[in-house]
N, C-alpha and C. Protein backbone atom coordinates (compact mmCIF):
# COMPACT_ATOMS: atom_id res chain seq x y z
N MET A 1 -121.18 144.14 130.72
CA MET A 1 -120.69 143.72 129.44
C MET A 1 -120.17 144.94 128.70
N THR A 2 -119.06 144.79 128.04
CA THR A 2 -118.45 145.88 127.28
C THR A 2 -118.58 145.61 125.80
N ASP A 3 -119.13 146.57 125.08
CA ASP A 3 -119.23 146.46 123.63
C ASP A 3 -118.00 147.08 123.00
N THR A 4 -117.49 146.42 121.99
CA THR A 4 -116.33 146.93 121.27
C THR A 4 -116.79 147.51 119.95
N VAL A 5 -116.38 148.73 119.68
CA VAL A 5 -116.71 149.39 118.42
C VAL A 5 -115.52 149.24 117.50
N GLU A 6 -115.77 148.68 116.34
CA GLU A 6 -114.69 148.51 115.37
C GLU A 6 -114.65 149.73 114.47
N LYS A 7 -113.51 150.37 114.41
CA LYS A 7 -113.34 151.53 113.55
C LYS A 7 -112.69 151.08 112.26
N LYS A 8 -113.24 151.51 111.16
CA LYS A 8 -112.70 151.14 109.86
C LYS A 8 -111.85 152.30 109.35
N SER A 9 -110.69 151.97 108.82
CA SER A 9 -109.79 152.97 108.28
C SER A 9 -109.00 152.34 107.15
N ASN A 10 -108.64 153.16 106.20
CA ASN A 10 -107.80 152.66 105.13
C ASN A 10 -106.32 152.81 105.47
N LEU A 11 -106.02 153.32 106.67
CA LEU A 11 -104.63 153.44 107.11
C LEU A 11 -104.23 152.17 107.85
N LYS A 12 -103.06 151.66 107.52
CA LYS A 12 -102.58 150.47 108.21
C LYS A 12 -101.85 150.87 109.49
N MET A 13 -101.76 149.96 110.42
CA MET A 13 -101.04 150.22 111.66
C MET A 13 -99.56 150.38 111.34
N GLU A 14 -98.94 151.41 111.90
CA GLU A 14 -97.54 151.68 111.61
C GLU A 14 -96.72 151.86 112.89
N GLY A 15 -97.17 151.34 113.99
CA GLY A 15 -96.42 151.48 115.22
C GLY A 15 -96.73 152.80 115.91
N GLU A 16 -95.71 153.45 116.45
CA GLU A 16 -95.89 154.69 117.20
C GLU A 16 -96.53 155.80 116.41
N GLY A 17 -96.19 155.93 115.14
CA GLY A 17 -96.73 157.01 114.34
C GLY A 17 -97.23 156.49 113.01
N SER A 18 -97.98 157.30 112.34
CA SER A 18 -98.50 156.93 111.04
C SER A 18 -97.85 157.80 109.98
N ARG A 19 -97.00 157.21 109.17
CA ARG A 19 -96.35 157.98 108.11
C ARG A 19 -97.38 158.52 107.13
N GLU A 20 -98.39 157.71 106.82
CA GLU A 20 -99.44 158.14 105.91
C GLU A 20 -100.25 159.28 106.52
N GLY A 21 -100.61 159.15 107.77
CA GLY A 21 -101.34 160.20 108.46
C GLY A 21 -100.53 161.48 108.55
N SER A 22 -99.24 161.34 108.84
CA SER A 22 -98.36 162.49 108.90
C SER A 22 -98.25 163.18 107.54
N ARG A 23 -98.13 162.38 106.50
CA ARG A 23 -98.03 162.93 105.15
C ARG A 23 -99.30 163.72 104.81
N ARG A 24 -100.45 163.14 105.12
CA ARG A 24 -101.72 163.83 104.83
C ARG A 24 -101.83 165.14 105.61
N PHE A 25 -101.42 165.11 106.87
CA PHE A 25 -101.46 166.31 107.70
C PHE A 25 -100.56 167.39 107.11
N GLN A 26 -99.34 167.02 106.74
CA GLN A 26 -98.40 167.99 106.17
C GLN A 26 -98.94 168.57 104.86
N GLU A 27 -99.54 167.73 104.03
CA GLU A 27 -100.11 168.22 102.77
C GLU A 27 -101.25 169.20 103.04
N ALA A 28 -102.10 168.89 104.02
CA ALA A 28 -103.21 169.78 104.34
C ALA A 28 -102.69 171.12 104.88
N GLN A 29 -101.65 171.06 105.72
CA GLN A 29 -101.08 172.29 106.25
C GLN A 29 -100.48 173.15 105.14
N GLN A 30 -99.77 172.51 104.23
CA GLN A 30 -99.17 173.24 103.11
C GLN A 30 -100.25 173.87 102.23
N ALA A 31 -101.32 173.13 101.97
CA ALA A 31 -102.41 173.66 101.15
C ALA A 31 -103.05 174.86 101.83
N PHE A 32 -103.21 174.80 103.15
CA PHE A 32 -103.79 175.94 103.88
C PHE A 32 -102.89 177.16 103.78
N VAL A 33 -101.60 176.96 103.97
CA VAL A 33 -100.66 178.08 103.88
C VAL A 33 -100.71 178.72 102.50
N GLU A 34 -100.84 177.90 101.47
CA GLU A 34 -100.84 178.42 100.11
C GLU A 34 -102.16 179.05 99.69
N THR A 35 -103.28 178.55 100.23
CA THR A 35 -104.58 179.02 99.75
C THR A 35 -105.49 179.57 100.85
N GLY A 36 -105.15 179.35 102.10
CA GLY A 36 -106.03 179.75 103.20
C GLY A 36 -105.78 181.17 103.65
N ASP A 37 -106.63 181.62 104.54
CA ASP A 37 -106.54 182.96 105.10
C ASP A 37 -105.71 182.91 106.38
N VAL A 38 -104.40 182.76 106.22
CA VAL A 38 -103.51 182.61 107.37
C VAL A 38 -103.56 183.84 108.27
N GLU A 39 -103.49 185.02 107.70
CA GLU A 39 -103.52 186.25 108.49
C GLU A 39 -104.84 186.39 109.25
N GLY A 40 -105.94 186.06 108.57
CA GLY A 40 -107.25 186.13 109.22
C GLY A 40 -107.35 185.16 110.39
N LYS A 41 -106.84 183.95 110.21
CA LYS A 41 -106.88 182.96 111.29
C LYS A 41 -105.98 183.38 112.45
N ALA A 42 -104.85 184.01 112.15
CA ALA A 42 -103.95 184.49 113.20
C ALA A 42 -104.65 185.58 114.03
N LYS A 43 -105.36 186.47 113.36
CA LYS A 43 -106.10 187.53 114.07
C LYS A 43 -107.22 186.93 114.90
N GLU A 44 -107.90 185.93 114.36
CA GLU A 44 -108.97 185.24 115.09
C GLU A 44 -108.43 184.59 116.36
N ALA A 45 -107.28 183.96 116.24
CA ALA A 45 -106.66 183.31 117.40
C ALA A 45 -106.25 184.34 118.44
N ALA A 46 -105.71 185.46 118.00
CA ALA A 46 -105.30 186.52 118.93
C ALA A 46 -106.51 187.05 119.69
N ARG A 47 -107.62 187.25 118.99
CA ARG A 47 -108.85 187.73 119.66
C ARG A 47 -109.33 186.70 120.69
N ALA A 48 -109.23 185.43 120.36
CA ALA A 48 -109.69 184.37 121.26
C ALA A 48 -108.87 184.34 122.54
N ILE A 49 -107.55 184.45 122.43
CA ILE A 49 -106.72 184.36 123.65
C ILE A 49 -106.77 185.64 124.48
N GLU A 50 -107.28 186.70 123.89
CA GLU A 50 -107.42 187.95 124.64
C GLU A 50 -108.85 188.19 125.11
N GLY A 51 -109.79 187.38 124.66
CA GLY A 51 -111.20 187.60 124.94
C GLY A 51 -111.77 186.67 125.99
N ALA A 52 -113.07 186.43 125.85
CA ALA A 52 -113.82 185.63 126.82
C ALA A 52 -113.34 184.19 126.89
N GLU A 53 -112.74 183.70 125.83
CA GLU A 53 -112.28 182.31 125.80
C GLU A 53 -110.91 182.12 126.45
N ALA A 54 -110.28 183.18 126.87
CA ALA A 54 -108.89 183.13 127.34
C ALA A 54 -108.66 182.09 128.43
N GLU A 55 -109.50 182.08 129.46
CA GLU A 55 -109.30 181.15 130.57
C GLU A 55 -109.45 179.70 130.12
N GLU A 56 -110.48 179.43 129.33
CA GLU A 56 -110.71 178.07 128.84
C GLU A 56 -109.57 177.61 127.94
N LEU A 57 -109.07 178.49 127.09
CA LEU A 57 -107.96 178.14 126.21
C LEU A 57 -106.68 177.88 127.01
N GLU A 58 -106.45 178.65 128.04
CA GLU A 58 -105.26 178.44 128.87
C GLU A 58 -105.34 177.10 129.61
N GLU A 59 -106.52 176.75 130.10
CA GLU A 59 -106.69 175.45 130.76
C GLU A 59 -106.43 174.31 129.77
N ALA A 60 -106.91 174.45 128.56
CA ALA A 60 -106.69 173.43 127.53
C ALA A 60 -105.22 173.33 127.18
N ARG A 61 -104.54 174.48 127.10
CA ARG A 61 -103.10 174.49 126.79
C ARG A 61 -102.32 173.75 127.87
N LYS A 62 -102.63 174.05 129.14
CA LYS A 62 -101.93 173.40 130.25
C LYS A 62 -102.19 171.89 130.27
N ALA A 63 -103.43 171.50 130.03
CA ALA A 63 -103.77 170.07 130.01
C ALA A 63 -103.04 169.36 128.89
N SER A 64 -103.02 169.96 127.71
CA SER A 64 -102.36 169.30 126.58
C SER A 64 -100.85 169.21 126.79
N ALA A 65 -100.28 170.19 127.49
CA ALA A 65 -98.84 170.15 127.79
C ALA A 65 -98.50 168.95 128.68
N LYS A 66 -99.50 168.52 129.45
CA LYS A 66 -99.32 167.36 130.33
C LYS A 66 -99.76 166.07 129.66
N GLY A 67 -100.22 166.18 128.41
CA GLY A 67 -100.67 165.01 127.68
C GLY A 67 -102.09 164.60 127.96
N HIS A 68 -102.89 165.55 128.46
CA HIS A 68 -104.28 165.27 128.79
C HIS A 68 -105.21 166.11 127.92
N SER A 69 -106.43 165.64 127.84
CA SER A 69 -107.48 166.41 127.16
C SER A 69 -108.17 167.26 128.21
N ALA A 70 -108.51 168.49 127.84
CA ALA A 70 -109.18 169.38 128.77
C ALA A 70 -110.68 169.09 128.87
N ALA A 71 -111.18 168.20 128.03
CA ALA A 71 -112.63 167.92 127.99
C ALA A 71 -113.09 167.14 129.17
């Protein structure tokens, strides 16, 4: 027997993409650029791709390029 989990959301179905979800994402990105530590995050990312996480990150990048999750 398969149980179905109902997810509740205030976003309505919009077909292939969600305009509301896209708008929220863009607003969050803009807010981060204006108030976040962009340079610090860039340095953190550079350390990650050059450090111990490099192999795992590369595998995730390749999987996502194929439309798959690396998990």
